[in-house]
Amino acid sequence: MPLIYKICPEALWREAEQAGVFKGSGVDLADGFIHFSTAGQVRETAAKHFAGQHDLLLIAFDDARLGEALRYEPSRGGALFPHLYGPLDSKAARWIAPLAQGGDGRHLIPEDVA
């Protein structure tokens, strides 16, 4: 099963863990789906949408476990991005890691991801 990734402010994810469900960030709620990235997309997503932000988590999910609500749809120049149309069970996370920043301000994506 391929892994997909969600970048999320830690406080927002901790709230989701307490509630048992993640309904999305502000952008997710506005767009009507929860945004994810594939391994090949997560570095660009971090740079484009989370530059300069601190206290972020990188959360991995098995895409097959998310069911039919997960769709790969074209975005950014036609690349297929995973979008989840519905709430996300916080217990479905395969792993969670802090998303640190390097000295240049860019987020450090673990080598085994991208």
C-alpha atoms as a PDB file:
ATOM      1  CA  MET A   1       0.000   0.000   0.000  1.00  0.00           C
ATOM      2  CA  PRO A   2       1.484   3.360  -0.939  1.00  0.00           C
ATOM      3  CA  LEU A   3       1.748   5.958   1.770  1.00  0.00           C
ATOM      4  CA  ILE A   4       0.295   9.436   1.396  1.00  0.00           C
ATOM      5  CA  TYR A   5       1.096  12.361   3.635  1.00  0.00           C
ATOM      6  CA  LYS A   6      -0.681  15.162   5.456  1.00  0.00           C
ATOM      7  CA  ILE A   7       1.175  18.216   6.721  1.00  0.00           C
ATOM      8  CA  CYS A   8      -0.721  19.606   9.682  1.00  0.00           C
ATOM      9  CA  PRO A   9      -0.184  22.084  12.513  1.00  0.00           C
ATOM     10  CA  GLU A  10       0.547  20.037  15.617  1.00  0.00           C
ATOM     11  CA  ALA A  11      -2.135  21.715  17.750  1.00  0.00           C
ATOM     12  CA  LEU A  12      -4.811  20.973  15.133  1.00  0.00           C
ATOM     13  CA  TRP A  13      -3.773  17.315  14.869  1.00  0.00           C
ATOM     14  CA  ARG A  14      -3.692  16.884  18.671  1.00  0.00           C
ATOM     15  CA  GLU A  15      -7.280  18.196  18.764  1.00  0.00           C
ATOM     16  CA  ALA A  16      -8.202  15.621  16.123  1.00  0.00           C
ATOM     17  CA  GLU A  17      -6.593  12.849  18.159  1.00  0.00           C
ATOM     18  CA  GLN A  18      -8.674  13.840  21.181  1.00  0.00           C
ATOM     19  CA  ALA A  19     -11.846  13.959  19.077  1.00  0.00           C
ATOM     20  CA  GLY A  20     -10.939  10.774  17.183  1.00  0.00           C
ATOM     21  CA  VAL A  21     -11.514  12.487  13.840  1.00  0.00           C
ATOM     22  CA  PHE A  22      -9.800  15.090  11.664  1.00  0.00           C
ATOM     23  CA  LYS A  23     -12.246  17.144   9.642  1.00  0.00           C
ATOM     24  CA  GLY A  24      -9.557  19.237   7.969  1.00  0.00           C
ATOM     25  CA  SER A  25      -7.660  22.468   8.212  1.00  0.00           C
ATOM     26  CA  GLY A  26      -9.148  25.771   7.112  1.00  0.00           C
ATOM     27  CA  VAL A  27      -7.989  25.213   3.530  1.00  0.00           C
ATOM     28  CA  ASP A  28      -9.363  21.666   3.530  1.00  0.00           C
ATOM     29  CA  LEU A  29     -12.738  22.831   4.809  1.00  0.00           C
ATOM     30  CA  ALA A  30     -12.872  25.646   2.240  1.00  0.00           C
ATOM     31  CA  ASP A  31     -12.014  23.259  -0.619  1.00  0.00           C
ATOM     32  CA  GLY A  32     -14.410  20.518   0.510  1.00  0.00           C
ATOM     33  CA  PHE A  33     -11.782  17.788   0.896  1.00  0.00           C
ATOM     34  CA  ILE A  34      -8.678  16.955   2.923  1.00  0.00           C
ATOM     35  CA  HIS A  35      -5.472  17.582   0.972  1.00  0.00           C
ATOM     36  CA  PHE A  36      -2.737  14.952   0.956  1.00  0.00           C
ATOM     37  CA  SER A  37       0.517  14.566  -0.968  1.00  0.00           C
ATOM     38  CA  THR A  38       2.316  11.557  -2.353  1.00  0.00           C
ATOM     39  CA  ALA A  39       5.960  10.940  -1.448  1.00  0.00           C
ATOM     40  CA  GLY A  40       7.046  12.688  -4.621  1.00  0.00           C
ATOM     41  CA  GLN A  41       4.864  15.731  -3.892  1.00  0.00           C
ATOM     42  CA  VAL A  42       5.321  16.337  -0.176  1.00  0.00           C
ATOM     43  CA  ARG A  43       8.528  18.391  -0.465  1.00  0.00           C
ATOM     44  CA  GLU A  44       6.888  20.811  -2.947  1.00  0.00           C
ATOM     45  CA  THR A  45       3.741  20.982  -0.813  1.00  0.00           C
ATOM     46  CA  ALA A  46       5.787  21.898   2.258  1.00  0.00           C
ATOM     47  CA  ALA A  47       7.677  24.602   0.363  1.00  0.00           C
ATOM     48  CA  LYS A  48       4.654  26.065  -1.411  1.00  0.00           C
ATOM     49  CA  HIS A  49       1.993  25.962   1.299  1.00  0.00           C
ATOM     50  CA  PHE A  50       3.853  25.772   4.633  1.00  0.00           C
ATOM     51  CA  ALA A  51       6.978  27.917   4.148  1.00  0.00           C
ATOM     52  CA  GLY A  52       8.017  29.617   7.364  1.00  0.00           C
ATOM     53  CA  GLN A  53       5.477  27.745   9.485  1.00  0.00           C
ATOM     54  CA  HIS A  54       6.588  26.049  12.680  1.00  0.00           C
ATOM     55  CA  ASP A  55       5.107  23.325  14.882  1.00  0.00           C
ATOM     56  CA  LEU A  56       4.031  21.160  11.950  1.00  0.00           C
ATOM     57  CA  LEU A  57       3.630  17.406  11.785  1.00  0.00           C
ATOM     58  CA  LEU A  58       4.114  15.075   8.856  1.00  0.00           C
ATOM     59  CA  ILE A  59       1.535  12.303   9.103  1.00  0.00           C
ATOM     60  CA  ALA A  60       1.612   9.161   6.964  1.00  0.00           C
ATOM     61  CA  PHE A  61      -1.413   7.112   5.912  1.00  0.00           C
ATOM     62  CA  ASP A  62      -1.890   3.939   3.865  1.00  0.00           C
ATOM     63  CA  ASP A  63      -3.990   5.180   0.967  1.00  0.00           C
ATOM     64  CA  ALA A  64      -5.904   1.893   0.636  1.00  0.00           C
ATOM     65  CA  ARG A  65      -7.136   2.177   4.244  1.00  0.00           C
ATOM     66  CA  LEU A  66      -8.925   5.438   3.472  1.00  0.00           C
ATOM     67  CA  GLY A  67     -11.481   3.747   1.231  1.00  0.00           C
ATOM     68  CA  GLU A  68     -13.576   5.094  -1.604  1.00  0.00           C
ATOM     69  CA  ALA A  69     -13.640   8.624  -0.167  1.00  0.00           C
ATOM     70  CA  LEU A  70     -10.020   9.008  -1.346  1.00  0.00           C
ATOM     71  CA  ARG A  71      -9.629  10.195  -4.926  1.00  0.00           C
ATOM     72  CA  TYR A  72      -6.561  11.111  -6.938  1.00  0.00           C
ATOM     73  CA  GLU A  73      -7.394  14.304  -8.813  1.00  0.00           C
ATOM     74  CA  PRO A  74      -5.425  16.598 -11.114  1.00  0.00           C
ATOM     75  CA  SER A  75      -3.902  19.720  -9.663  1.00  0.00           C
ATOM     76  CA  ARG A  76      -0.756  21.828 -10.185  1.00  0.00           C
ATOM     77  CA  GLY A  77       0.011  21.237 -13.829  1.00  0.00           C
ATOM     78  CA  GLY A  78      -1.971  18.018 -14.071  1.00  0.00           C
ATOM     79  CA  ALA A  79      -0.253  16.050 -11.290  1.00  0.00           C
ATOM     80  CA  LEU A  80      -2.624  13.713  -9.458  1.00  0.00           C
ATOM     81  CA  PHE A  81      -2.985  14.616  -5.783  1.00  0.00           C
ATOM     82  CA  PRO A  82      -4.826  12.505  -3.192  1.00  0.00           C
ATOM     83  CA  HIS A  83      -7.955  14.178  -1.813  1.00  0.00           C
ATOM     84  CA  LEU A  84     -10.161  12.711   0.901  1.00  0.00           C
ATOM     85  CA  TYR A  85     -13.856  13.577   0.681  1.00  0.00           C
ATOM     86  CA  GLY A  86     -14.916  12.996   4.242  1.00  0.00           C
ATOM     87  CA  PRO A  87     -13.600  12.948   7.792  1.00  0.00           C
ATOM     88  CA  LEU A  88     -10.335  11.218   8.608  1.00  0.00           C
ATOM     89  CA  ASP A  89     -10.092   8.747  11.491  1.00  0.00           C
ATOM     90  CA  SER A  90      -7.104  10.032  13.470  1.00  0.00           C
ATOM     91  CA  LYS A  91      -6.232   6.446  14.432  1.00  0.00           C
ATOM     92  CA  ALA A  92      -5.639   5.646  10.750  1.00  0.00           C
ATOM     93  CA  ALA A  93      -2.248   7.407  10.896  1.00  0.00           C
ATOM     94  CA  ARG A  94       0.553   4.967  10.235  1.00  0.00           C
ATOM     95  CA  TRP A  95       3.136   7.283  11.750  1.00  0.00           C
ATOM     96  CA  ILE A  96       3.506  10.889  12.874  1.00  0.00           C
ATOM     97  CA  ALA A  97       6.739  12.900  12.926  1.00  0.00           C
ATOM     98  CA  PRO A  98       7.605  16.520  13.677  1.00  0.00           C
ATOM     99  CA  LEU A  99       8.393  18.465  10.510  1.00  0.00           C
ATOM    100  CA  ALA A 100      11.586  20.311  11.402  1.00  0.00           C
ATOM    101  CA  GLN A 101      13.138  23.167   9.484  1.00  0.00           C
ATOM    102  CA  GLY A 102      16.708  23.365   8.267  1.00  0.00           C
ATOM    103  CA  GLY A 103      18.982  26.376   8.597  1.00  0.00           C
ATOM    104  CA  ASP A 104      17.686  27.675   5.259  1.00  0.00           C
ATOM    105  CA  GLY A 105      14.092  27.659   6.564  1.00  0.00           C
ATOM    106  CA  ARG A 106      12.987  24.761   4.369  1.00  0.00           C
ATOM    107  CA  HIS A 107      11.237  21.848   5.978  1.00  0.00           C
ATOM    108  CA  LEU A 108      13.277  18.691   6.335  1.00  0.00           C
ATOM    109  CA  ILE A 109      11.389  15.817   4.760  1.00  0.00           C
ATOM    110  CA  PRO A 110      12.664  12.457   6.040  1.00  0.00           C
ATOM    111  CA  GLU A 111      14.820  10.680   3.448  1.00  0.00           C
ATOM    112  CA  ASP A 112      12.638   7.572   3.485  1.00  0.00           C
ATOM    113  CA  VAL A 113       9.663   9.686   2.330  1.00  0.00           C
ATOM    114  CA  ALA A 114      10.919  11.655  -0.661  1.00  0.00           C
END
